[in-house]
mmCIF file of all heavy atoms, coordinates in Angstrom:
data_MODEL
# 
_entry.id   MODEL 
# 
loop_
_atom_site.group_PDB 
_atom_site.id 
_atom_site.type_symbol 
_atom_site.label_atom_id 
_atom_site.label_alt_id 
_atom_site.label_comp_id 
_atom_site.label_asym_id 
_atom_site.label_entity_id 
_atom_site.label_seq_id 
_atom_site.pdbx_PDB_ins_code 
_atom_site.Cartn_x 
_atom_site.Cartn_y 
_atom_site.Cartn_z 
_atom_site.occupancy 
_atom_site.B_iso_or_equiv 
_atom_site.pdbx_formal_charge 
_atom_site.auth_seq_id 
_atom_site.auth_comp_id 
_atom_site.auth_asym_id 
_atom_site.auth_atom_id 
_atom_site.pdbx_PDB_model_num 
ATOM 1   N N   . GLU A 1 1  ? 189.758 -55.153 5.235   1.00 0.00 ? 1  GLU A N   1 
ATOM 2   C CA  . GLU A 1 1  ? 189.302 -56.477 4.788   1.00 0.00 ? 1  GLU A CA  1 
ATOM 3   C C   . GLU A 1 1  ? 190.467 -57.196 4.027   1.00 0.00 ? 1  GLU A C   1 
ATOM 4   O O   . GLU A 1 1  ? 190.919 -56.699 2.976   1.00 0.00 ? 1  GLU A O   1 
ATOM 5   C CB  . GLU A 1 1  ? 188.074 -56.367 3.807   1.00 0.00 ? 1  GLU A CB  1 
ATOM 6   C CG  . GLU A 1 1  ? 187.467 -57.685 3.439   1.00 0.00 ? 1  GLU A CG  1 
ATOM 7   C CD  . GLU A 1 1  ? 186.197 -57.479 2.609   1.00 0.00 ? 1  GLU A CD  1 
ATOM 8   O OE1 . GLU A 1 1  ? 185.672 -56.323 2.525   1.00 0.00 ? 1  GLU A OE1 1 
ATOM 9   O OE2 . GLU A 1 1  ? 185.783 -58.443 1.930   1.00 0.00 ? 1  GLU A OE2 1 
ATOM 10  N N   . ALA A 1 2  ? 190.821 -58.347 4.608   1.00 0.00 ? 2  ALA A N   1 
ATOM 11  C CA  . ALA A 1 2  ? 192.038 -58.990 4.028   1.00 0.00 ? 2  ALA A CA  1 
ATOM 12  C C   . ALA A 1 2  ? 192.004 -59.345 2.588   1.00 0.00 ? 2  ALA A C   1 
ATOM 13  O O   . ALA A 1 2  ? 192.997 -59.279 1.842   1.00 0.00 ? 2  ALA A O   1 
ATOM 14  C CB  . ALA A 1 2  ? 192.331 -60.262 4.833   1.00 0.00 ? 2  ALA A CB  1 
ATOM 15  N N   . ALA A 1 3  ? 190.822 -59.690 2.115   1.00 0.00 ? 3  ALA A N   1 
ATOM 16  C CA  . ALA A 1 3  ? 190.614 -60.122 0.733   1.00 0.00 ? 3  ALA A CA  1 
ATOM 17  C C   . ALA A 1 3  ? 190.914 -58.982 -0.255  1.00 0.00 ? 3  ALA A C   1 
ATOM 18  O O   . ALA A 1 3  ? 191.223 -59.181 -1.419  1.00 0.00 ? 3  ALA A O   1 
ATOM 19  C CB  . ALA A 1 3  ? 189.225 -60.680 0.471   1.00 0.00 ? 3  ALA A CB  1 
ATOM 20  N N   . LEU A 1 4  ? 190.927 -57.742 0.189   1.00 0.00 ? 4  LEU A N   1 
ATOM 21  C CA  . LEU A 1 4  ? 191.107 -56.548 -0.651  1.00 0.00 ? 4  LEU A CA  1 
ATOM 22  C C   . LEU A 1 4  ? 192.573 -56.083 -0.602  1.00 0.00 ? 4  LEU A C   1 
ATOM 23  O O   . LEU A 1 4  ? 192.932 -55.135 -1.314  1.00 0.00 ? 4  LEU A O   1 
ATOM 24  C CB  . LEU A 1 4  ? 190.230 -55.414 -0.215  1.00 0.00 ? 4  LEU A CB  1 
ATOM 25  C CG  . LEU A 1 4  ? 188.720 -55.692 -0.237  1.00 0.00 ? 4  LEU A CG  1 
ATOM 26  C CD1 . LEU A 1 4  ? 187.950 -54.514 0.217   1.00 0.00 ? 4  LEU A CD1 1 
ATOM 27  C CD2 . LEU A 1 4  ? 188.271 -56.082 -1.645  1.00 0.00 ? 4  LEU A CD2 1 
ATOM 28  N N   . ALA A 1 5  ? 193.441 -56.784 0.102   1.00 0.00 ? 5  ALA A N   1 
ATOM 29  C CA  . ALA A 1 5  ? 194.812 -56.340 0.260   1.00 0.00 ? 5  ALA A CA  1 
ATOM 30  C C   . ALA A 1 5  ? 195.658 -56.660 -0.936  1.00 0.00 ? 5  ALA A C   1 
ATOM 31  O O   . ALA A 1 5  ? 196.297 -57.722 -1.046  1.00 0.00 ? 5  ALA A O   1 
ATOM 32  C CB  . ALA A 1 5  ? 195.414 -56.951 1.577   1.00 0.00 ? 5  ALA A CB  1 
ATOM 33  N N   . ASP A 1 6  ? 195.675 -55.762 -1.875  1.00 0.00 ? 6  ASP A N   1 
ATOM 34  C CA  . ASP A 1 6  ? 196.455 -55.937 -3.097  1.00 0.00 ? 6  ASP A CA  1 
ATOM 35  C C   . ASP A 1 6  ? 197.732 -55.141 -3.025  1.00 0.00 ? 6  ASP A C   1 
ATOM 36  O O   . ASP A 1 6  ? 197.708 -53.912 -2.819  1.00 0.00 ? 6  ASP A O   1 
ATOM 37  C CB  . ASP A 1 6  ? 195.544 -55.449 -4.272  1.00 0.00 ? 6  ASP A CB  1 
ATOM 38  C CG  . ASP A 1 6  ? 196.204 -55.566 -5.656  1.00 0.00 ? 6  ASP A CG  1 
ATOM 39  O OD1 . ASP A 1 6  ? 197.388 -55.968 -5.701  1.00 0.00 ? 6  ASP A OD1 1 
ATOM 40  O OD2 . ASP A 1 6  ? 195.500 -55.329 -6.675  1.00 0.00 ? 6  ASP A OD2 1 
ATOM 41  N N   . MET A 1 7  ? 198.881 -55.780 -3.235  1.00 0.00 ? 7  MET A N   1 
ATOM 42  C CA  . MET A 1 7  ? 200.127 -55.110 -3.123  1.00 0.00 ? 7  MET A CA  1 
ATOM 43  C C   . MET A 1 7  ? 200.278 -54.001 -4.206  1.00 0.00 ? 7  MET A C   1 
ATOM 44  O O   . MET A 1 7  ? 201.116 -53.054 -4.017  1.00 0.00 ? 7  MET A O   1 
ATOM 45  C CB  . MET A 1 7  ? 201.288 -56.102 -3.250  1.00 0.00 ? 7  MET A CB  1 
ATOM 46  C CG  . MET A 1 7  ? 201.561 -56.897 -2.004  1.00 0.00 ? 7  MET A CG  1 
ATOM 47  S SD  . MET A 1 7  ? 203.106 -57.872 -2.068  1.00 0.00 ? 7  MET A SD  1 
ATOM 48  C CE  . MET A 1 7  ? 204.343 -56.518 -2.138  1.00 0.00 ? 7  MET A CE  1 
ATOM 49  N N   . ALA A 1 8  ? 199.545 -54.080 -5.264  1.00 0.00 ? 8  ALA A N   1 
ATOM 50  C CA  . ALA A 1 8  ? 199.610 -53.057 -6.317  1.00 0.00 ? 8  ALA A CA  1 
ATOM 51  C C   . ALA A 1 8  ? 199.106 -51.709 -5.741  1.00 0.00 ? 8  ALA A C   1 
ATOM 52  O O   . ALA A 1 8  ? 199.316 -50.636 -6.389  1.00 0.00 ? 8  ALA A O   1 
ATOM 53  C CB  . ALA A 1 8  ? 198.819 -53.461 -7.507  1.00 0.00 ? 8  ALA A CB  1 
ATOM 54  N N   . LEU A 1 9  ? 198.427 -51.769 -4.626  1.00 0.00 ? 9  LEU A N   1 
ATOM 55  C CA  . LEU A 1 9  ? 197.854 -50.479 -4.049  1.00 0.00 ? 9  LEU A CA  1 
ATOM 56  C C   . LEU A 1 9  ? 198.819 -49.811 -3.104  1.00 0.00 ? 9  LEU A C   1 
ATOM 57  O O   . LEU A 1 9  ? 198.515 -48.766 -2.586  1.00 0.00 ? 9  LEU A O   1 
ATOM 58  C CB  . LEU A 1 9  ? 196.551 -50.806 -3.292  1.00 0.00 ? 9  LEU A CB  1 
ATOM 59  C CG  . LEU A 1 9  ? 195.423 -51.396 -4.100  1.00 0.00 ? 9  LEU A CG  1 
ATOM 60  C CD1 . LEU A 1 9  ? 194.210 -51.798 -3.237  1.00 0.00 ? 9  LEU A CD1 1 
ATOM 61  C CD2 . LEU A 1 9  ? 194.974 -50.413 -5.199  1.00 0.00 ? 9  LEU A CD2 1 
ATOM 62  N N   . ILE A 1 10 ? 199.983 -50.411 -2.858  1.00 0.00 ? 10 ILE A N   1 
ATOM 63  C CA  . ILE A 1 10 ? 201.015 -49.770 -2.064  1.00 0.00 ? 10 ILE A CA  1 
ATOM 64  C C   . ILE A 1 10 ? 201.450 -48.541 -2.751  1.00 0.00 ? 10 ILE A C   1 
ATOM 65  O O   . ILE A 1 10 ? 201.793 -48.570 -3.931  1.00 0.00 ? 10 ILE A O   1 
ATOM 66  C CB  . ILE A 1 10 ? 202.215 -50.697 -1.805  1.00 0.00 ? 10 ILE A CB  1 
ATOM 67  C CG1 . ILE A 1 10 ? 201.737 -51.913 -0.881  1.00 0.00 ? 10 ILE A CG1 1 
ATOM 68  C CG2 . ILE A 1 10 ? 203.367 -49.948 -1.154  1.00 0.00 ? 10 ILE A CG2 1 
ATOM 69  C CD1 . ILE A 1 10 ? 202.815 -52.896 -0.665  1.00 0.00 ? 10 ILE A CD1 1 
ATOM 70  N N   . PRO A 1 11 ? 201.478 -47.365 -2.075  1.00 0.00 ? 11 PRO A N   1 
ATOM 71  C CA  . PRO A 1 11 ? 201.897 -46.103 -2.766  1.00 0.00 ? 11 PRO A CA  1 
ATOM 72  C C   . PRO A 1 11 ? 203.293 -46.224 -3.325  1.00 0.00 ? 11 PRO A C   1 
ATOM 73  O O   . PRO A 1 11 ? 204.196 -46.838 -2.730  1.00 0.00 ? 11 PRO A O   1 
ATOM 74  C CB  . PRO A 1 11 ? 201.878 -45.093 -1.628  1.00 0.00 ? 11 PRO A CB  1 
ATOM 75  C CG  . PRO A 1 11 ? 200.831 -45.673 -0.650  1.00 0.00 ? 11 PRO A CG  1 
ATOM 76  C CD  . PRO A 1 11 ? 201.052 -47.188 -0.678  1.00 0.00 ? 11 PRO A CD  1 
ATOM 77  N N   . ASP A 1 12 ? 203.477 -45.634 -4.515  1.00 0.00 ? 12 ASP A N   1 
ATOM 78  C CA  . ASP A 1 12 ? 204.790 -45.700 -5.186  1.00 0.00 ? 12 ASP A CA  1 
ATOM 79  C C   . ASP A 1 12 ? 205.745 -44.716 -4.541  1.00 0.00 ? 12 ASP A C   1 
ATOM 80  O O   . ASP A 1 12 ? 205.619 -43.443 -4.775  1.00 0.00 ? 12 ASP A O   1 
ATOM 81  C CB  . ASP A 1 12 ? 204.582 -45.397 -6.669  1.00 0.00 ? 12 ASP A CB  1 
ATOM 82  C CG  . ASP A 1 12 ? 205.871 -45.425 -7.423  1.00 0.00 ? 12 ASP A CG  1 
ATOM 83  O OD1 . ASP A 1 12 ? 206.932 -45.799 -6.847  1.00 0.00 ? 12 ASP A OD1 1 
ATOM 84  O OD2 . ASP A 1 12 ? 205.890 -45.018 -8.631  1.00 0.00 ? 12 ASP A OD2 1 
ATOM 85  N N   . VAL A 1 13 ? 206.710 -45.207 -3.745  1.00 0.00 ? 13 VAL A N   1 
ATOM 86  C CA  . VAL A 1 13 ? 207.721 -44.384 -3.195  1.00 0.00 ? 13 VAL A CA  1 
ATOM 87  C C   . VAL A 1 13 ? 209.044 -45.027 -3.570  1.00 0.00 ? 13 VAL A C   1 
ATOM 88  O O   . VAL A 1 13 ? 209.976 -45.188 -2.736  1.00 0.00 ? 13 VAL A O   1 
ATOM 89  C CB  . VAL A 1 13 ? 207.560 -44.191 -1.701  1.00 0.00 ? 13 VAL A CB  1 
ATOM 90  C CG1 . VAL A 1 13 ? 206.357 -43.296 -1.374  1.00 0.00 ? 13 VAL A CG1 1 
ATOM 91  C CG2 . VAL A 1 13 ? 207.429 -45.510 -0.939  1.00 0.00 ? 13 VAL A CG2 1 
ATOM 92  N N   . HIS A 1 14 ? 209.195 -45.452 -4.806  1.00 0.00 ? 14 HIS A N   1 
ATOM 93  C CA  . HIS A 1 14 ? 210.375 -46.206 -5.267  1.00 0.00 ? 14 HIS A CA  1 
ATOM 94  C C   . HIS A 1 14 ? 211.692 -45.449 -5.093  1.00 0.00 ? 14 HIS A C   1 
ATOM 95  O O   . HIS A 1 14 ? 212.739 -46.057 -5.059  1.00 0.00 ? 14 HIS A O   1 
ATOM 96  C CB  . HIS A 1 14 ? 210.229 -46.615 -6.725  1.00 0.00 ? 14 HIS A CB  1 
ATOM 97  C CG  . HIS A 1 14 ? 210.314 -45.484 -7.660  1.00 0.00 ? 14 HIS A CG  1 
ATOM 98  N ND1 . HIS A 1 14 ? 209.244 -44.678 -8.026  1.00 0.00 ? 14 HIS A ND1 1 
ATOM 99  C CD2 . HIS A 1 14 ? 211.416 -44.964 -8.335  1.00 0.00 ? 14 HIS A CD2 1 
ATOM 100 C CE1 . HIS A 1 14 ? 209.635 -43.747 -8.903  1.00 0.00 ? 14 HIS A CE1 1 
ATOM 101 N NE2 . HIS A 1 14 ? 210.899 -43.876 -9.084  1.00 0.00 ? 14 HIS A NE2 1 
ATOM 102 N N   . TRP A 1 15 ? 211.593 -44.119 -4.950  1.00 0.00 ? 15 TRP A N   1 
ATOM 103 C CA  . TRP A 1 15 ? 212.849 -43.324 -4.763  1.00 0.00 ? 15 TRP A CA  1 
ATOM 104 C C   . TRP A 1 15 ? 213.659 -43.769 -3.548  1.00 0.00 ? 15 TRP A C   1 
ATOM 105 O O   . TRP A 1 15 ? 214.825 -43.572 -3.455  1.00 0.00 ? 15 TRP A O   1 
ATOM 106 C CB  . TRP A 1 15 ? 212.487 -41.841 -4.649  1.00 0.00 ? 15 TRP A CB  1 
ATOM 107 C CG  . TRP A 1 15 ? 211.738 -41.360 -5.838  1.00 0.00 ? 15 TRP A CG  1 
ATOM 108 C CD1 . TRP A 1 15 ? 212.195 -40.849 -6.990  1.00 0.00 ? 15 TRP A CD1 1 
ATOM 109 C CD2 . TRP A 1 15 ? 210.324 -41.298 -5.952  1.00 0.00 ? 15 TRP A CD2 1 
ATOM 110 N NE1 . TRP A 1 15 ? 211.224 -40.470 -7.831  1.00 0.00 ? 15 TRP A NE1 1 
ATOM 111 C CE2 . TRP A 1 15 ? 210.040 -40.713 -7.225  1.00 0.00 ? 15 TRP A CE2 1 
ATOM 112 C CE3 . TRP A 1 15 ? 209.244 -41.609 -5.099  1.00 0.00 ? 15 TRP A CE3 1 
ATOM 113 C CZ2 . TRP A 1 15 ? 208.746 -40.488 -7.678  1.00 0.00 ? 15 TRP A CZ2 1 
ATOM 114 C CZ3 . TRP A 1 15 ? 207.923 -41.376 -5.568  1.00 0.00 ? 15 TRP A CZ3 1 
ATOM 115 C CH2 . TRP A 1 15 ? 207.714 -40.828 -6.828  1.00 0.00 ? 15 TRP A CH2 1 
ATOM 116 N N   . MET A 1 16 ? 212.973 -44.393 -2.597  1.00 0.00 ? 16 MET A N   1 
ATOM 117 C CA  . MET A 1 16 ? 213.617 -44.800 -1.322  1.00 0.00 ? 16 MET A CA  1 
ATOM 118 C C   . MET A 1 16 ? 214.630 -45.917 -1.544  1.00 0.00 ? 16 MET A C   1 
ATOM 119 O O   . MET A 1 16 ? 215.604 -46.051 -0.761  1.00 0.00 ? 16 MET A O   1 
ATOM 120 C CB  . MET A 1 16 ? 212.619 -45.198 -0.308  1.00 0.00 ? 16 MET A CB  1 
ATOM 121 C CG  . MET A 1 16 ? 211.743 -44.096 0.205   1.00 0.00 ? 16 MET A CG  1 
ATOM 122 S SD  . MET A 1 16 ? 212.653 -42.748 0.993   1.00 0.00 ? 16 MET A SD  1 
ATOM 123 C CE  . MET A 1 16 ? 213.241 -43.543 2.475   1.00 0.00 ? 16 MET A CE  1 
ATOM 124 N N   . ASP A 1 17 ? 214.520 -46.714 -2.594  1.00 0.00 ? 17 ASP A N   1 
ATOM 125 C CA  . ASP A 1 17 ? 215.471 -47.785 -2.861  1.00 0.00 ? 17 ASP A CA  1 
ATOM 126 C C   . ASP A 1 17 ? 215.898 -47.891 -4.339  1.00 0.00 ? 17 ASP A C   1 
ATOM 127 O O   . ASP A 1 17 ? 216.334 -48.892 -4.762  1.00 0.00 ? 17 ASP A O   1 
ATOM 128 C CB  . ASP A 1 17 ? 214.990 -49.146 -2.314  1.00 0.00 ? 17 ASP A CB  1 
ATOM 129 C CG  . ASP A 1 17 ? 213.720 -49.617 -2.953  1.00 0.00 ? 17 ASP A CG  1 
ATOM 130 O OD1 . ASP A 1 17 ? 213.204 -48.980 -3.914  1.00 0.00 ? 17 ASP A OD1 1 
ATOM 131 O OD2 . ASP A 1 17 ? 213.149 -50.626 -2.483  1.00 0.00 ? 17 ASP A OD2 1 
ATOM 132 N N   . ASP A 1 18 ? 215.614 -46.808 -5.101  1.00 0.00 ? 18 ASP A N   1 
ATOM 133 C CA  . ASP A 1 18 ? 216.054 -46.763 -6.497  1.00 0.00 ? 18 ASP A CA  1 
ATOM 134 C C   . ASP A 1 18 ? 217.496 -46.464 -6.637  1.00 0.00 ? 18 ASP A C   1 
ATOM 135 O O   . ASP A 1 18 ? 218.024 -45.491 -6.025  1.00 0.00 ? 18 ASP A O   1 
ATOM 136 C CB  . ASP A 1 18 ? 215.172 -45.647 -7.161  1.00 0.00 ? 18 ASP A CB  1 
ATOM 137 C CG  . ASP A 1 18 ? 215.335 -45.659 -8.638  1.00 0.00 ? 18 ASP A CG  1 
ATOM 138 O OD1 . ASP A 1 18 ? 216.434 -45.907 -9.174  1.00 0.00 ? 18 ASP A OD1 1 
ATOM 139 O OD2 . ASP A 1 18 ? 214.305 -45.409 -9.363  1.00 0.00 ? 18 ASP A OD2 1 
ATOM 140 N N   . PRO A 1 19 ? 218.264 -47.249 -7.372  1.00 0.00 ? 19 PRO A N   1 
ATOM 141 C CA  . PRO A 1 19 ? 219.720 -47.024 -7.486  1.00 0.00 ? 19 PRO A CA  1 
ATOM 142 C C   . PRO A 1 19 ? 220.083 -45.728 -8.147  1.00 0.00 ? 19 PRO A C   1 
ATOM 143 O O   . PRO A 1 19 ? 221.212 -45.302 -8.006  1.00 0.00 ? 19 PRO A O   1 
ATOM 144 C CB  . PRO A 1 19 ? 220.210 -48.240 -8.306  1.00 0.00 ? 19 PRO A CB  1 
ATOM 145 C CG  . PRO A 1 19 ? 218.984 -48.783 -9.016  1.00 0.00 ? 19 PRO A CG  1 
ATOM 146 C CD  . PRO A 1 19 ? 217.835 -48.546 -8.077  1.00 0.00 ? 19 PRO A CD  1 
ATOM 147 N N   . ASP A 1 20 ? 219.162 -45.136 -8.828  1.00 0.00 ? 20 ASP A N   1 
ATOM 148 C CA  . ASP A 1 20 ? 219.371 -43.823 -9.469  1.00 0.00 ? 20 ASP A CA  1 
ATOM 149 C C   . ASP A 1 20 ? 219.202 -42.666 -8.533  1.00 0.00 ? 20 ASP A C   1 
ATOM 150 O O   . ASP A 1 20 ? 219.344 -41.501 -8.890  1.00 0.00 ? 20 ASP A O   1 
ATOM 151 C CB  . ASP A 1 20 ? 218.522 -43.616 -10.753 1.00 0.00 ? 20 ASP A CB  1 
ATOM 152 C CG  . ASP A 1 20 ? 218.865 -44.573 -11.826 1.00 0.00 ? 20 ASP A CG  1 
ATOM 153 O OD1 . ASP A 1 20 ? 220.099 -44.964 -11.889 1.00 0.00 ? 20 ASP A OD1 1 
ATOM 154 O OD2 . ASP A 1 20 ? 218.041 -44.964 -12.653 1.00 0.00 ? 20 ASP A OD2 1 
ATOM 155 N N   . TRP A 1 21 ? 218.745 -42.969 -7.318  1.00 0.00 ? 21 TRP A N   1 
ATOM 156 C CA  . TRP A 1 21 ? 218.543 -41.935 -6.275  1.00 0.00 ? 21 TRP A CA  1 
ATOM 157 C C   . TRP A 1 21 ? 219.282 -42.345 -5.046  1.00 0.00 ? 21 TRP A C   1 
ATOM 158 O O   . TRP A 1 21 ? 219.504 -43.511 -4.741  1.00 0.00 ? 21 TRP A O   1 
ATOM 159 C CB  . TRP A 1 21 ? 217.039 -41.734 -6.033  1.00 0.00 ? 21 TRP A CB  1 
ATOM 160 C CG  . TRP A 1 21 ? 216.287 -41.208 -7.158  1.00 0.00 ? 21 TRP A CG  1 
ATOM 161 C CD1 . TRP A 1 21 ? 215.954 -41.896 -8.291  1.00 0.00 ? 21 TRP A CD1 1 
ATOM 162 C CD2 . TRP A 1 21 ? 215.731 -39.909 -7.300  1.00 0.00 ? 21 TRP A CD2 1 
ATOM 163 N NE1 . TRP A 1 21 ? 215.232 -41.089 -9.145  1.00 0.00 ? 21 TRP A NE1 1 
ATOM 164 C CE2 . TRP A 1 21 ? 215.130 -39.810 -8.559  1.00 0.00 ? 21 TRP A CE2 1 
ATOM 165 C CE3 . TRP A 1 21 ? 215.713 -38.768 -6.480  1.00 0.00 ? 21 TRP A CE3 1 
ATOM 166 C CZ2 . TRP A 1 21 ? 214.469 -38.683 -8.963  1.00 0.00 ? 21 TRP A CZ2 1 
ATOM 167 C CZ3 . TRP A 1 21 ? 215.038 -37.638 -6.929  1.00 0.00 ? 21 TRP A CZ3 1 
ATOM 168 C CH2 . TRP A 1 21 ? 214.474 -37.607 -8.190  1.00 0.00 ? 21 TRP A CH2 1 
ATOM 169 N N   . THR A 1 22 ? 219.591 -41.389 -4.185  1.00 0.00 ? 22 THR A N   1 
ATOM 170 C CA  . THR A 1 22 ? 220.154 -41.627 -2.874  1.00 0.00 ? 22 THR A CA  1 
ATOM 171 C C   . THR A 1 22 ? 219.189 -41.044 -1.818  1.00 0.00 ? 22 THR A C   1 
ATOM 172 O O   . THR A 1 22 ? 218.729 -39.943 -1.917  1.00 0.00 ? 22 THR A O   1 
ATOM 173 C CB  . THR A 1 22 ? 221.507 -40.960 -2.670  1.00 0.00 ? 22 THR A CB  1 
ATOM 174 O OG1 . THR A 1 22 ? 222.483 -41.539 -3.545  1.00 0.00 ? 22 THR A OG1 1 
ATOM 175 C CG2 . THR A 1 22 ? 222.025 -41.098 -1.245  1.00 0.00 ? 22 THR A CG2 1 
ATOM 176 N N   . ALA A 1 23 ? 218.795 -41.970 -0.845  1.00 0.00 ? 23 ALA A N   1 
ATOM 177 C CA  . ALA A 1 23 ? 217.727 -41.614 0.074   1.00 0.00 ? 23 ALA A CA  1 
ATOM 178 C C   . ALA A 1 23 ? 218.221 -41.674 1.504   1.00 0.00 ? 23 ALA A C   1 
ATOM 179 O O   . ALA A 1 23 ? 219.091 -42.517 1.863   1.00 0.00 ? 23 ALA A O   1 
ATOM 180 C CB  . ALA A 1 23 ? 216.557 -42.480 -0.164  1.00 0.00 ? 23 ALA A CB  1 
ATOM 181 N N   . CYS A 1 24 ? 217.587 -40.913 2.369   1.00 0.00 ? 24 CYS A N   1 
ATOM 182 C CA  . CYS A 1 24 ? 217.740 -41.069 3.787   1.00 0.00 ? 24 CYS A CA  1 
ATOM 183 C C   . CYS A 1 24 ? 216.313 -40.915 4.389   1.00 0.00 ? 24 CYS A C   1 
ATOM 184 O O   . CYS A 1 24 ? 215.423 -40.454 3.697   1.00 0.00 ? 24 CYS A O   1 
ATOM 185 C CB  . CYS A 1 24 ? 218.685 -39.997 4.431   1.00 0.00 ? 24 CYS A CB  1 
ATOM 186 S SG  . CYS A 1 24 ? 218.221 -38.313 4.013   1.00 0.00 ? 24 CYS A SG  1 
ATOM 187 N N   . GLY A 1 25 ? 216.196 -41.230 5.625   1.00 0.00 ? 25 GLY A N   1 
ATOM 188 C CA  . GLY A 1 25 ? 214.813 -41.154 6.190   1.00 0.00 ? 25 GLY A CA  1 
ATOM 189 C C   . GLY A 1 25 ? 214.809 -41.201 7.684   1.00 0.00 ? 25 GLY A C   1 
ATOM 190 O O   . GLY A 1 25 ? 215.849 -41.261 8.343   1.00 0.00 ? 25 GLY A O   1 
ATOM 191 N N   . GLY A 1 26 ? 213.607 -41.119 8.250   1.00 0.00 ? 26 GLY A N   1 
ATOM 192 C CA  . GLY A 1 26 ? 213.438 -41.147 9.720   1.00 0.00 ? 26 GLY A CA  1 
ATOM 193 C C   . GLY A 1 26 ? 212.064 -41.241 10.098  1.00 0.00 ? 26 GLY A C   1 
ATOM 194 O O   . GLY A 1 26 ? 211.150 -41.436 9.311   1.00 0.00 ? 26 GLY A O   1 
ATOM 195 N N   . TYR A 1 27 ? 211.841 -41.207 11.459  1.00 0.00 ? 27 TYR A N   1 
ATOM 196 C CA  . TYR A 1 27 ? 210.525 -41.462 12.036  1.00 0.00 ? 27 TYR A CA  1 
ATOM 197 C C   . TYR A 1 27 ? 210.305 -40.402 13.157  1.00 0.00 ? 27 TYR A C   1 
ATOM 198 O O   . TYR A 1 27 ? 211.246 -40.123 13.932  1.00 0.00 ? 27 TYR A O   1 
ATOM 199 C CB  . TYR A 1 27 ? 210.435 -42.861 12.619  1.00 0.00 ? 27 TYR A CB  1 
ATOM 200 C CG  . TYR A 1 27 ? 209.297 -43.085 13.575  1.00 0.00 ? 27 TYR A CG  1 
ATOM 201 C CD1 . TYR A 1 27 ? 208.007 -43.377 13.047  1.00 0.00 ? 27 TYR A CD1 1 
ATOM 202 C CD2 . TYR A 1 27 ? 209.418 -42.994 14.949  1.00 0.00 ? 27 TYR A CD2 1 
ATOM 203 C CE1 . TYR A 1 27 ? 206.918 -43.577 13.888  1.00 0.00 ? 27 TYR A CE1 1 
ATOM 204 C CE2 . TYR A 1 27 ? 208.350 -43.185 15.785  1.00 0.00 ? 27 TYR A CE2 1 
ATOM 205 C CZ  . TYR A 1 27 ? 207.113 -43.423 15.311  1.00 0.00 ? 27 TYR A CZ  1 
ATOM 206 O OH  . TYR A 1 27 ? 206.022 -43.606 16.130  1.00 0.00 ? 27 TYR A OH  1 
# 
């Protein structure tokens, strides 16, 4: 339901772009 789409509910995975961490990834 679009009305419930709150960005605050996005899971916290800040390590992926945190300058204090170095990240790599894939699919």
